Amino acid sequence: GMDSPTTTKALRAVWDGHTILHVLVYFERMNKQVAKSNEAVIYTRLSVARAGDTETLEDQERVCREMAERHGLRVVAVFAEGAGVSAFTKGRRRPQLDALIEHAQANPGTTVVAWELTRLTRRLTDLSRWVEMIEDHGLRILTPQIDTAMGGGMMLLGVFAVFAQAESTQKSDRVRAGKRRQRAAGIWMSSTPPLGYLRGDDGALSVDPEHGPTALEAVRLYLDEQMSLRATALALTDAGMLSRGGKPIGVTSLKTLLASPALAGKIEQDDGTMKTCVGLEGGGLISLDRWQEIQRRINSRSAKIGKPASRTPTTLLSAGVL
């Protein structure tokens, strides 16, 4: 019934285009829960740091202070999140936002002022937490587009969050499509190339004269000498062959190195086919056949590890005699 709907279901109703009137009634009812207080906190956040950006934390704070003054609010704290912190990525820590939430919970009736709603969240599941704080702690959210203390504010909060999540999802889709295009072009996307290679500004790889021999020795020990991953890692350390950071190469890092088709100068596509890396048209550190031989050994050892050991029969019944 509509007496106790969940926020997520209500928002998804907006997203699906159903029962919008019911959602409106729910969010309008929530306006009554907002406590009156003149204390406000400001939250600012930069998603990424890009050269030439005109939007800064200081710009956001200035706009927020002007809003607070127009509404007769007294700013008691500013929580500024540095660049590179996403409001969409699940599990990504935002220390300043966590501190803001603690402050709001300890100070009922607090107004949170933000440059735009997307500074606070782009996820519907996160929005339910904000609605709970409005219910339980009299929180008020104020942006240039939304004021949850005013008529229609709660409904707009839900609608804006729906569109913010849709925008972020579309952005994620565009990013994934861009990565697929880069892989198809043979461009190494990560700023850190595999051990044994150097990466140019254009994404082209070239053999690293310093660490290339380390990668080749790892292949020789594991494939030709038939050493285990652990024994190979220890042998590399004993020979003074270390990672780029000057640390011993662990078993996990070694397995990642050997499993990467970049060893053979290739990038794997979504359909499993291989594309030659830009810059390695003349070949990688090893041949593709040799790399595939490594994969067969890794996979066969993994299968053996995962297979339960056979047990020696201990009774006539288990031995099949009876």
C-alpha atoms as a PDB file:
ATOM      1  CA  GLY A   1       0.000   0.000   0.000  1.00  0.00           C
ATOM      2  CA  MET A   2       1.038   3.646  -0.346  1.00  0.00           C
ATOM      3  CA  ASP A   3       1.089   4.161   3.430  1.00  0.00           C
ATOM      4  CA  SER A   4       4.560   2.616   3.609  1.00  0.00           C
ATOM      5  CA  PRO A   5       6.190   2.534   0.160  1.00  0.00           C
ATOM      6  CA  THR A   6       9.931   2.088  -0.187  1.00  0.00           C
ATOM      7  CA  THR A   7      11.792   4.989  -1.713  1.00  0.00           C
ATOM      8  CA  THR A   8      13.542   2.823  -4.280  1.00  0.00           C
ATOM      9  CA  LYS A   9      10.257   1.400  -5.555  1.00  0.00           C
ATOM     10  CA  ALA A  10       8.776   4.874  -5.730  1.00  0.00           C
ATOM     11  CA  LEU A  11      11.703   6.186  -7.732  1.00  0.00           C
ATOM     12  CA  ARG A  12      11.694   3.209 -10.054  1.00  0.00           C
ATOM     13  CA  ALA A  13       8.034   3.937 -10.657  1.00  0.00           C
ATOM     14  CA  VAL A  14       9.064   7.335 -11.966  1.00  0.00           C
ATOM     15  CA  TRP A  15      11.775   5.691 -14.061  1.00  0.00           C
ATOM     16  CA  ASP A  16       9.309   3.201 -15.543  1.00  0.00           C
ATOM     17  CA  GLY A  17       6.732   5.909 -16.143  1.00  0.00           C
ATOM     18  CA  HIS A  18       4.108   4.389 -13.816  1.00  0.00           C
ATOM     19  CA  THR A  19       2.152   5.660 -10.779  1.00  0.00           C
ATOM     20  CA  ILE A  20       3.761   9.113 -10.956  1.00  0.00           C
ATOM     21  CA  LEU A  21       0.812  10.572  -9.085  1.00  0.00           C
ATOM     22  CA  HIS A  22       1.400   8.150  -6.192  1.00  0.00           C
ATOM     23  CA  VAL A  23       5.067   9.110  -6.091  1.00  0.00           C
ATOM     24  CA  LEU A  24       4.093  12.786  -6.006  1.00  0.00           C
ATOM     25  CA  VAL A  25       1.783  12.169  -3.046  1.00  0.00           C
ATOM     26  CA  TYR A  26       4.531  10.276  -1.212  1.00  0.00           C
ATOM     27  CA  PHE A  27       7.199  12.925  -1.654  1.00  0.00           C
ATOM     28  CA  GLU A  28       4.809  15.793  -0.854  1.00  0.00           C
ATOM     29  CA  ARG A  29       3.922  14.028   2.392  1.00  0.00           C
ATOM     30  CA  MET A  30       7.642  13.969   3.181  1.00  0.00           C
ATOM     31  CA  ASN A  31       7.799  17.792   3.140  1.00  0.00           C
ATOM     32  CA  LYS A  32       6.121  17.805   6.537  1.00  0.00           C
ATOM     33  CA  GLN A  33       9.110  15.970   8.042  1.00  0.00           C
ATOM     34  CA  VAL A  34      11.634  18.771   7.414  1.00  0.00           C
ATOM     35  CA  ALA A  35      12.627  20.537  10.631  1.00  0.00           C
ATOM     36  CA  LYS A  36      13.260  24.275  10.728  1.00  0.00           C
ATOM     37  CA  SER A  37      16.804  25.421  11.525  1.00  0.00           C
ATOM     38  CA  ASN A  38      19.060  28.217  10.338  1.00  0.00           C
ATOM     39  CA  GLU A  39      22.256  26.124  10.450  1.00  0.00           C
ATOM     40  CA  ALA A  40      23.662  24.932   7.144  1.00  0.00           C
ATOM     41  CA  VAL A  41      26.635  22.964   5.873  1.00  0.00           C
ATOM     42  CA  ILE A  42      28.080  23.129   2.371  1.00  0.00           C
ATOM     43  CA  TYR A  43      29.203  20.121   0.342  1.00  0.00           C
ATOM     44  CA  THR A  44      31.422  20.527  -2.726  1.00  0.00           C
ATOM     45  CA  ARG A  45      32.980  17.875  -4.946  1.00  0.00           C
ATOM     46  CA  LEU A  46      35.023  17.622  -8.134  1.00  0.00           C
ATOM     47  CA  SER A  47      34.489  14.409 -10.095  1.00  0.00           C
ATOM     48  CA  VAL A  48      37.739  14.580 -12.042  1.00  0.00           C
ATOM     49  CA  ALA A  49      40.635  16.977 -12.479  1.00  0.00           C
ATOM     50  CA  ARG A  50      40.928  18.250 -16.037  1.00  0.00           C
ATOM     51  CA  ALA A  51      43.117  20.974 -17.445  1.00  0.00           C
ATOM     52  CA  GLY A  52      41.048  24.033 -18.304  1.00  0.00           C
ATOM     53  CA  ASP A  53      38.168  23.259 -15.949  1.00  0.00           C
ATOM     54  CA  THR A  54      36.402  26.440 -14.870  1.00  0.00           C
ATOM     55  CA  GLU A  55      34.331  24.804 -12.134  1.00  0.00           C
ATOM     56  CA  THR A  56      36.391  24.647  -8.947  1.00  0.00           C
ATOM     57  CA  LEU A  57      35.630  23.798  -5.342  1.00  0.00           C
ATOM     58  CA  GLU A  58      35.902  27.513  -4.588  1.00  0.00           C
ATOM     59  CA  ASP A  59      33.325  28.330  -7.294  1.00  0.00           C
ATOM     60  CA  GLN A  60      30.925  25.764  -5.878  1.00  0.00           C
ATOM     61  CA  GLU A  61      31.390  27.082  -2.346  1.00  0.00           C
ATOM     62  CA  ARG A  62      30.784  30.672  -3.478  1.00  0.00           C
ATOM     63  CA  VAL A  63      27.489  29.727  -5.151  1.00  0.00           C
ATOM     64  CA  CYS A  64      26.433  27.744  -2.071  1.00  0.00           C
ATOM     65  CA  ARG A  65      27.236  30.598   0.318  1.00  0.00           C
ATOM     66  CA  GLU A  66      25.177  32.974  -1.801  1.00  0.00           C
ATOM     67  CA  MET A  67      22.254  30.531  -1.699  1.00  0.00           C
ATOM     68  CA  ALA A  68      22.554  30.114   2.065  1.00  0.00           C
ATOM     69  CA  GLU A  69      22.568  33.893   2.570  1.00  0.00           C
ATOM     70  CA  ARG A  70      19.475  34.364   0.406  1.00  0.00           C
ATOM     71  CA  HIS A  71      17.633  31.778   2.511  1.00  0.00           C
ATOM     72  CA  GLY A  72      18.737  33.256   5.834  1.00  0.00           C
ATOM     73  CA  LEU A  73      20.980  30.326   6.703  1.00  0.00           C
ATOM     74  CA  ARG A  74      24.190  30.401   8.725  1.00  0.00           C
ATOM     75  CA  VAL A  75      26.989  28.243   7.308  1.00  0.00           C
ATOM     76  CA  VAL A  76      28.701  26.352  10.125  1.00  0.00           C
ATOM     77  CA  ALA A  77      30.886  23.959   8.114  1.00  0.00           C
ATOM     78  CA  VAL A  78      32.169  23.234   4.606  1.00  0.00           C
ATOM     79  CA  PHE A  79      32.896  19.684   3.436  1.00  0.00           C
ATOM     80  CA  ALA A  80      35.043  19.776   0.283  1.00  0.00           C
ATOM     81  CA  GLU A  81      35.773  16.534  -1.590  1.00  0.00           C
ATOM     82  CA  GLY A  82      38.877  16.497  -3.789  1.00  0.00           C
ATOM     83  CA  ALA A  83      39.058  15.629  -7.474  1.00  0.00           C
ATOM     84  CA  GLY A  84      38.514  12.108  -8.752  1.00  0.00           C
ATOM     85  CA  VAL A  85      35.732  11.128  -6.314  1.00  0.00           C
ATOM     86  CA  SER A  86      32.689   9.705  -8.080  1.00  0.00           C
ATOM     87  CA  ALA A  87      29.105  10.003  -6.849  1.00  0.00           C
ATOM     88  CA  PHE A  88      28.054   7.045  -9.006  1.00  0.00           C
ATOM     89  CA  THR A  89      30.652   4.330  -8.495  1.00  0.00           C
ATOM     90  CA  LYS A  90      29.441   1.809  -5.949  1.00  0.00           C
ATOM     91  CA  GLY A  91      31.692   1.368  -2.917  1.00  0.00           C
ATOM     92  CA  ARG A  92      33.833   4.428  -3.668  1.00  0.00           C
ATOM     93  CA  ARG A  93      34.744   6.163  -0.398  1.00  0.00           C
ATOM     94  CA  ARG A  94      33.900   9.839   0.068  1.00  0.00           C
ATOM     95  CA  PRO A  95      35.392  10.846   3.440  1.00  0.00           C
ATOM     96  CA  GLN A  96      33.987  14.377   3.431  1.00  0.00           C
ATOM     97  CA  LEU A  97      30.487  13.170   2.620  1.00  0.00           C
ATOM     98  CA  ASP A  98      30.730  10.619   5.430  1.00  0.00           C
ATOM     99  CA  ALA A  99      31.737  13.445   7.795  1.00  0.00           C
ATOM    100  CA  LEU A 100      28.827  15.566   6.563  1.00  0.00           C
ATOM    101  CA  ILE A 101      26.349  12.764   7.230  1.00  0.00           C
ATOM    102  CA  GLU A 102      27.728  12.307  10.756  1.00  0.00           C
ATOM    103  CA  HIS A 103      27.342  16.045  11.363  1.00  0.00           C
ATOM    104  CA  ALA A 104      23.759  16.085  10.052  1.00  0.00           C
ATOM    105  CA  GLN A 105      22.799  13.095  12.182  1.00  0.00           C
ATOM    106  CA  ALA A 106      24.222  14.788  15.284  1.00  0.00           C
ATOM    107  CA  ASN A 107      22.534  18.121  14.454  1.00  0.00           C
ATOM    108  CA  PRO A 108      18.860  17.605  13.524  1.00  0.00           C
ATOM    109  CA  GLY A 109      17.380  20.191  11.193  1.00  0.00           C
ATOM    110  CA  THR A 110      20.625  20.849   9.340  1.00  0.00           C
ATOM    111  CA  THR A 111      20.408  22.162   5.783  1.00  0.00           C
ATOM    112  CA  VAL A 112      22.834  20.666   3.266  1.00  0.00           C
ATOM    113  CA  VAL A 113      23.654  23.185   0.532  1.00  0.00           C
ATOM    114  CA  ALA A 114      25.155  21.872  -2.702  1.00  0.00           C
ATOM    115  CA  TRP A 115      25.999  23.357  -6.099  1.00  0.00           C
ATOM    116  CA  GLU A 116      23.776  20.685  -7.684  1.00  0.00           C
ATOM    117  CA  LEU A 117      22.170  17.412  -6.591  1.00  0.00           C
ATOM    118  CA  THR A 118      24.727  15.343  -8.513  1.00  0.00           C
ATOM    119  CA  ARG A 119      27.391  16.526  -6.055  1.00  0.00           C
ATOM    120  CA  LEU A 120      25.577  14.472  -3.398  1.00  0.00           C
ATOM    121  CA  THR A 121      24.500  11.411  -5.357  1.00  0.00           C
ATOM    122  CA  ARG A 122      23.817   9.927  -8.772  1.00  0.00           C
ATOM    123  CA  ARG A 123      22.415   6.629  -7.469  1.00  0.00           C
ATOM    124  CA  LEU A 124      18.804   5.841  -6.606  1.00  0.00           C
ATOM    125  CA  THR A 125      19.909   3.528  -3.811  1.00  0.00           C
ATOM    126  CA  ASP A 126      21.863   6.385  -2.202  1.00  0.00           C
ATOM    127  CA  LEU A 127      18.843   8.677  -2.456  1.00  0.00           C
ATOM    128  CA  SER A 128      16.882   6.399  -0.132  1.00  0.00           C
ATOM    129  CA  ARG A 129      19.476   7.164   2.565  1.00  0.00           C
ATOM    130  CA  TRP A 130      18.959  10.907   2.092  1.00  0.00           C
ATOM    131  CA  VAL A 131      15.178  10.480   2.338  1.00  0.00           C
ATOM    132  CA  GLU A 132      15.631   8.484   5.560  1.00  0.00           C
ATOM    133  CA  MET A 133      17.720  11.343   6.986  1.00  0.00           C
ATOM    134  CA  ILE A 134      14.988  13.807   6.044  1.00  0.00           C
ATOM    135  CA  GLU A 135      12.507  11.591   7.871  1.00  0.00           C
ATOM    136  CA  ASP A 136      14.633  10.819  10.936  1.00  0.00           C
ATOM    137  CA  HIS A 137      16.794  13.926  11.354  1.00  0.00           C
ATOM    138  CA  GLY A 138      14.807  16.728   9.742  1.00  0.00           C
ATOM    139  CA  LEU A 139      17.465  17.174   7.059  1.00  0.00           C
ATOM    140  CA  ARG A 140      16.896  19.775   4.361  1.00  0.00           C
ATOM    141  CA  ILE A 141      18.620  19.662   0.944  1.00  0.00           C
ATOM    142  CA  LEU A 142      19.068  22.956  -0.895  1.00  0.00           C
ATOM    143  CA  THR A 143      20.463  23.348  -4.410  1.00  0.00           C
ATOM    144  CA  PRO A 144      19.735  25.941  -7.134  1.00  0.00           C
ATOM    145  CA  GLN A 145      17.131  23.517  -8.519  1.00  0.00           C
ATOM    146  CA  ILE A 146      15.718  21.893  -5.381  1.00  0.00           C
ATOM    147  CA  ASP A 147      14.607  22.879  -1.893  1.00  0.00           C
ATOM    148  CA  THR A 148      13.139  19.938  -0.012  1.00  0.00           C
ATOM    149  CA  ALA A 149      11.523  22.332   2.474  1.00  0.00           C
ATOM    150  CA  MET A 150       9.347  23.877  -0.224  1.00  0.00           C
ATOM    151  CA  GLY A 151       6.249  22.508  -1.967  1.00  0.00           C
ATOM    152  CA  GLY A 152       7.229  19.996  -4.612  1.00  0.00           C
ATOM    153  CA  GLY A 153      10.800  19.819  -3.338  1.00  0.00           C
ATOM    154  CA  MET A 154      10.719  16.186  -2.318  1.00  0.00           C
ATOM    155  CA  MET A 155       9.191  15.113  -5.594  1.00  0.00           C
ATOM    156  CA  LEU A 156      11.829  17.045  -7.540  1.00  0.00           C
ATOM    157  CA  LEU A 157      14.523  15.399  -5.421  1.00  0.00           C
ATOM    158  CA  GLY A 158      13.370  12.003  -6.627  1.00  0.00           C
ATOM    159  CA  VAL A 159      12.915  13.071 -10.242  1.00  0.00           C
ATOM    160  CA  PHE A 160      16.340  14.746 -10.424  1.00  0.00           C
ATOM    161  CA  ALA A 161      17.974  11.666  -8.912  1.00  0.00           C
ATOM    162  CA  VAL A 162      16.335   9.427 -11.517  1.00  0.00           C
ATOM    163  CA  PHE A 163      17.672  11.558 -14.360  1.00  0.00           C
ATOM    164  CA  ALA A 164      21.100  11.872 -12.697  1.00  0.00           C
ATOM    165  CA  GLN A 165      21.390   8.084 -12.521  1.00  0.00           C
ATOM    166  CA  ALA A 166      20.257   7.763 -16.126  1.00  0.00           C
ATOM    167  CA  GLU A 167      22.892  10.303 -17.197  1.00  0.00           C
ATOM    168  CA  SER A 168      25.618   8.465 -15.275  1.00  0.00           C
ATOM    169  CA  THR A 169      24.562   5.130 -16.762  1.00  0.00           C
ATOM    170  CA  GLN A 170      24.722   6.610 -20.255  1.00  0.00           C
ATOM    171  CA  LYS A 171      28.130   8.092 -19.467  1.00  0.00           C
ATOM    172  CA  SER A 172      29.361   4.685 -18.269  1.00  0.00           C
ATOM    173  CA  ASP A 173      28.074   3.125 -21.487  1.00  0.00           C
ATOM    174  CA  ARG A 174      29.941   5.752 -23.520  1.00  0.00           C
ATOM    175  CA  VAL A 175      33.136   5.109 -21.559  1.00  0.00           C
ATOM    176  CA  ARG A 176      32.862   1.347 -22.128  1.00  0.00           C
ATOM    177  CA  ALA A 177      32.209   1.921 -25.828  1.00  0.00           C
ATOM    178  CA  GLY A 178      35.257   4.185 -25.999  1.00  0.00           C
ATOM    179  CA  LYS A 179      37.414   1.511 -24.383  1.00  0.00           C
ATOM    180  CA  ARG A 180      36.156  -1.065 -26.861  1.00  0.00           C
ATOM    181  CA  ARG A 181      37.130   1.247 -29.726  1.00  0.00           C
ATOM    182  CA  GLN A 182      40.588   1.732 -28.219  1.00  0.00           C
ATOM    183  CA  ARG A 183      41.088  -2.006 -27.808  1.00  0.00           C
ATOM    184  CA  ALA A 184      39.954  -2.561 -31.391  1.00  0.00           C
ATOM    185  CA  ALA A 185      42.552  -0.008 -32.520  1.00  0.00           C
ATOM    186  CA  GLY A 186      45.271  -1.802 -30.547  1.00  0.00           C
ATOM    187  CA  ILE A 187      45.791   1.080 -28.100  1.00  0.00           C
ATOM    188  CA  TRP A 188      46.979   0.174 -24.608  1.00  0.00           C
ATOM    189  CA  MET A 189      44.517   2.034 -22.369  1.00  0.00           C
ATOM    190  CA  SER A 190      46.075   1.859 -18.934  1.00  0.00           C
ATOM    191  CA  SER A 191      48.679   4.465 -18.057  1.00  0.00           C
ATOM    192  CA  THR A 192      50.757   1.618 -16.581  1.00  0.00           C
ATOM    193  CA  PRO A 193      51.996  -0.843 -19.227  1.00  0.00           C
ATOM    194  CA  PRO A 194      52.784  -4.504 -18.450  1.00  0.00           C
ATOM    195  CA  LEU A 195      56.197  -5.247 -17.004  1.00  0.00           C
ATOM    196  CA  GLY A 196      58.671  -5.362 -19.858  1.00  0.00           C
ATOM    197  CA  TYR A 197      57.128  -2.521 -21.843  1.00  0.00           C
ATOM    198  CA  LEU A 198      57.048   1.273 -21.967  1.00  0.00           C
ATOM    199  CA  ARG A 199      53.945   3.247 -22.968  1.00  0.00           C
ATOM    200  CA  GLY A 200      54.036   6.371 -25.117  1.00  0.00           C
ATOM    201  CA  ASP A 201      51.618   9.285 -24.834  1.00  0.00           C
ATOM    202  CA  ASP A 202      49.718   7.920 -27.840  1.00  0.00           C
ATOM    203  CA  GLY A 203      49.161   4.551 -26.143  1.00  0.00           C
ATOM    204  CA  ALA A 204      51.814   2.789 -28.210  1.00  0.00           C
ATOM    205  CA  LEU A 205      53.932   0.161 -26.437  1.00  0.00           C
ATOM    206  CA  SER A 206      57.643  -0.458 -26.855  1.00  0.00           C
ATOM    207  CA  VAL A 207      60.003  -2.957 -25.249  1.00  0.00           C
ATOM    208  CA  ASP A 208      61.518  -1.680 -21.997  1.00  0.00           C
ATOM    209  CA  PRO A 209      65.281  -2.344 -22.153  1.00  0.00           C
ATOM    210  CA  GLU A 210      65.490  -2.322 -18.345  1.00  0.00           C
ATOM    211  CA  HIS A 211      62.635  -4.658 -17.410  1.00  0.00           C
ATOM    212  CA  GLY A 212      62.145  -6.589 -20.657  1.00  0.00           C
ATOM    213  CA  PRO A 213      64.798  -9.142 -19.600  1.00  0.00           C
ATOM    214  CA  THR A 214      62.901  -9.708 -16.329  1.00  0.00           C
ATOM    215  CA  ALA A 215      59.719 -10.624 -18.185  1.00  0.00           C
ATOM    216  CA  LEU A 216      61.658 -12.922 -20.522  1.00  0.00           C
ATOM    217  CA  GLU A 217      63.389 -14.645 -17.619  1.00  0.00           C
ATOM    218  CA  ALA A 218      60.009 -15.188 -15.933  1.00  0.00           C
ATOM    219  CA  VAL A 219      58.774 -16.912 -19.105  1.00  0.00           C
ATOM    220  CA  ARG A 220      61.919 -19.056 -19.348  1.00  0.00           C
ATOM    221  CA  LEU A 221      61.752 -20.211 -15.735  1.00  0.00           C
ATOM    222  CA  TYR A 222      58.045 -20.969 -15.774  1.00  0.00           C
ATOM    223  CA  LEU A 223      57.732 -22.486 -19.236  1.00  0.00           C
ATOM    224  CA  ASP A 224      61.133 -23.960 -20.078  1.00  0.00           C
ATOM    225  CA  GLU A 225      62.326 -24.892 -16.597  1.00  0.00           C
ATOM    226  CA  GLN A 226      58.785 -25.890 -15.573  1.00  0.00           C
ATOM    227  CA  MET A 227      59.077 -24.082 -12.260  1.00  0.00           C
ATOM    228  CA  SER A 228      55.976 -23.300 -10.254  1.00  0.00           C
ATOM    229  CA  LEU A 229      54.785 -19.695 -10.013  1.00  0.00           C
ATOM    230  CA  ARG A 230      56.115 -19.453  -6.477  1.00  0.00           C
ATOM    231  CA  ALA A 231      59.503 -20.926  -7.388  1.00  0.00           C
ATOM    232  CA  THR A 232      59.721 -18.608 -10.400  1.00  0.00           C
ATOM    233  CA  ALA A 233      58.984 -15.568  -8.260  1.00  0.00           C
ATOM    234  CA  LEU A 234      61.636 -16.583  -5.714  1.00  0.00           C
ATOM    235  CA  ALA A 235      64.203 -17.223  -8.467  1.00  0.00           C
ATOM    236  CA  LEU A 236      63.593 -13.768  -9.935  1.00  0.00           C
ATOM    237  CA  THR A 237      64.077 -12.190  -6.522  1.00  0.00           C
ATOM    238  CA  ASP A 238      67.300 -14.148  -5.937  1.00  0.00           C
ATOM    239  CA  ALA A 239      68.583 -12.951  -9.317  1.00  0.00           C
ATOM    240  CA  GLY A 240      67.865  -9.334  -8.375  1.00  0.00           C
ATOM    241  CA  MET A 241      65.106  -9.024 -11.005  1.00  0.00           C
ATOM    242  CA  LEU A 242      62.490  -6.822  -9.371  1.00  0.00           C
ATOM    243  CA  SER A 243      59.374  -4.883 -10.274  1.00  0.00           C
ATOM    244  CA  ARG A 244      59.429  -1.301 -11.563  1.00  0.00           C
ATOM    245  CA  GLY A 245      59.070  -0.130  -7.998  1.00  0.00           C
ATOM    246  CA  GLY A 246      62.134  -2.074  -6.938  1.00  0.00           C
ATOM    247  CA  LYS A 247      60.151  -4.668  -4.988  1.00  0.00           C
ATOM    248  CA  PRO A 248      60.106  -8.468  -5.345  1.00  0.00           C
ATOM    249  CA  ILE A 249      57.563  -9.752  -7.855  1.00  0.00           C
ATOM    250  CA  GLY A 250      54.897 -11.696  -5.986  1.00  0.00           C
ATOM    251  CA  VAL A 251      53.038 -14.769  -7.200  1.00  0.00           C
ATOM    252  CA  THR A 252      49.861 -12.811  -8.043  1.00  0.00           C
ATOM    253  CA  SER A 253      51.772 -10.163 -10.025  1.00  0.00           C
ATOM    254  CA  LEU A 254      53.724 -12.869 -11.812  1.00  0.00           C
ATOM    255  CA  LYS A 255      50.584 -14.732 -12.819  1.00  0.00           C
ATOM    256  CA  THR A 256      49.045 -11.477 -14.068  1.00  0.00           C
ATOM    257  CA  LEU A 257      52.168 -10.821 -16.141  1.00  0.00           C
ATOM    258  CA  LEU A 258      52.196 -14.297 -17.679  1.00  0.00           C
ATOM    259  CA  ALA A 259      48.454 -14.257 -18.350  1.00  0.00           C
ATOM    260  CA  SER A 260      48.568 -10.948 -20.249  1.00  0.00           C
ATOM    261  CA  PRO A 261      48.533 -11.320 -24.051  1.00  0.00           C
ATOM    262  CA  ALA A 262      50.602  -8.121 -24.116  1.00  0.00           C
ATOM    263  CA  LEU A 263      53.592 -10.430 -23.579  1.00  0.00           C
ATOM    264  CA  ALA A 264      53.019 -11.480 -27.184  1.00  0.00           C
ATOM    265  CA  GLY A 265      52.250  -7.900 -28.257  1.00  0.00           C
ATOM    266  CA  LYS A 266      48.480  -8.482 -28.365  1.00  0.00           C
ATOM    267  CA  ILE A 267      45.306  -7.005 -26.847  1.00  0.00           C
ATOM    268  CA  GLU A 268      42.319  -9.313 -26.373  1.00  0.00           C
ATOM    269  CA  GLN A 269      39.009  -8.107 -27.808  1.00  0.00           C
ATOM    270  CA  ASP A 270      35.534  -8.664 -26.361  1.00  0.00           C
ATOM    271  CA  ASP A 271      34.960 -11.574 -28.755  1.00  0.00           C
ATOM    272  CA  GLY A 272      38.192 -13.307 -27.709  1.00  0.00           C
ATOM    273  CA  THR A 273      40.157 -12.401 -30.832  1.00  0.00           C
ATOM    274  CA  MET A 274      43.578 -10.751 -30.599  1.00  0.00           C
ATOM    275  CA  LYS A 275      44.635  -7.373 -31.946  1.00  0.00           C
ATOM    276  CA  THR A 276      48.277  -6.334 -32.311  1.00  0.00           C
ATOM    277  CA  CYS A 277      49.256  -3.543 -29.914  1.00  0.00           C
ATOM    278  CA  VAL A 278      50.157  -0.245 -31.519  1.00  0.00           C
ATOM    279  CA  GLY A 279      53.944   0.004 -31.498  1.00  0.00           C
ATOM    280  CA  LEU A 280      54.472  -3.769 -31.430  1.00  0.00           C
ATOM    281  CA  GLU A 281      53.691  -4.528 -35.058  1.00  0.00           C
ATOM    282  CA  GLY A 282      57.089  -6.239 -35.276  1.00  0.00           C
ATOM    283  CA  GLY A 283      56.223  -8.565 -32.413  1.00  0.00           C
ATOM    284  CA  GLY A 284      56.115  -8.575 -28.623  1.00  0.00           C
ATOM    285  CA  LEU A 285      58.544 -10.027 -26.137  1.00  0.00           C
ATOM    286  CA  ILE A 286      57.474 -13.564 -27.061  1.00  0.00           C
ATOM    287  CA  SER A 287      55.488 -15.199 -29.858  1.00  0.00           C
ATOM    288  CA  LEU A 288      51.727 -15.759 -29.630  1.00  0.00           C
ATOM    289  CA  ASP A 289      52.282 -19.547 -29.780  1.00  0.00           C
ATOM    290  CA  ARG A 290      54.620 -19.359 -26.802  1.00  0.00           C
ATOM    291  CA  TRP A 291      52.140 -17.222 -24.851  1.00  0.00           C
ATOM    292  CA  GLN A 292      49.340 -19.701 -25.581  1.00  0.00           C
ATOM    293  CA  GLU A 293      51.591 -22.493 -24.294  1.00  0.00           C
ATOM    294  CA  ILE A 294      51.937 -20.557 -21.044  1.00  0.00           C
ATOM    295  CA  GLN A 295      48.140 -20.284 -20.777  1.00  0.00           C
ATOM    296  CA  ARG A 296      47.732 -24.026 -21.240  1.00  0.00           C
ATOM    297  CA  ARG A 297      50.148 -24.680 -18.398  1.00  0.00           C
ATOM    298  CA  ILE A 298      48.474 -22.113 -16.107  1.00  0.00           C
ATOM    299  CA  ASN A 299      45.019 -23.563 -16.860  1.00  0.00           C
ATOM    300  CA  SER A 300      46.120 -27.168 -16.418  1.00  0.00           C
ATOM    301  CA  ARG A 301      47.676 -26.411 -13.040  1.00  0.00           C
ATOM    302  CA  SER A 302      44.553 -24.511 -11.957  1.00  0.00           C
ATOM    303  CA  ALA A 303      42.421 -27.501 -12.940  1.00  0.00           C
ATOM    304  CA  LYS A 304      44.630 -29.850 -10.924  1.00  0.00           C
ATOM    305  CA  ILE A 305      44.453 -27.555  -7.909  1.00  0.00           C
ATOM    306  CA  GLY A 306      40.669 -27.406  -8.131  1.00  0.00           C
ATOM    307  CA  LYS A 307      40.217 -31.180  -8.566  1.00  0.00           C
ATOM    308  CA  PRO A 308      39.566 -33.019  -5.298  1.00  0.00           C
ATOM    309  CA  ALA A 309      42.226 -35.580  -4.422  1.00  0.00           C
ATOM    310  CA  SER A 310      41.229 -39.244  -4.790  1.00  0.00           C
ATOM    311  CA  ARG A 311      40.988 -41.207  -1.565  1.00  0.00           C
ATOM    312  CA  THR A 312      42.411 -44.672  -1.036  1.00  0.00           C
ATOM    313  CA  PRO A 313      39.595 -47.119  -0.200  1.00  0.00           C
ATOM    314  CA  THR A 314      39.663 -47.996   3.473  1.00  0.00           C
ATOM    315  CA  THR A 315      36.933 -50.616   3.572  1.00  0.00           C
ATOM    316  CA  LEU A 316      35.866 -53.572   1.442  1.00  0.00           C
ATOM    317  CA  LEU A 317      32.609 -51.729   0.637  1.00  0.00           C
ATOM    318  CA  SER A 318      34.317 -48.556  -0.543  1.00  0.00           C
ATOM    319  CA  ALA A 319      36.800 -50.671  -2.546  1.00  0.00           C
ATOM    320  CA  GLY A 320      33.916 -52.275  -4.424  1.00  0.00           C
ATOM    321  CA  VAL A 321      34.588 -55.748  -3.128  1.00  0.00           C
ATOM    322  CA  LEU A 322      31.196 -55.991  -1.399  1.00  0.00           C
END
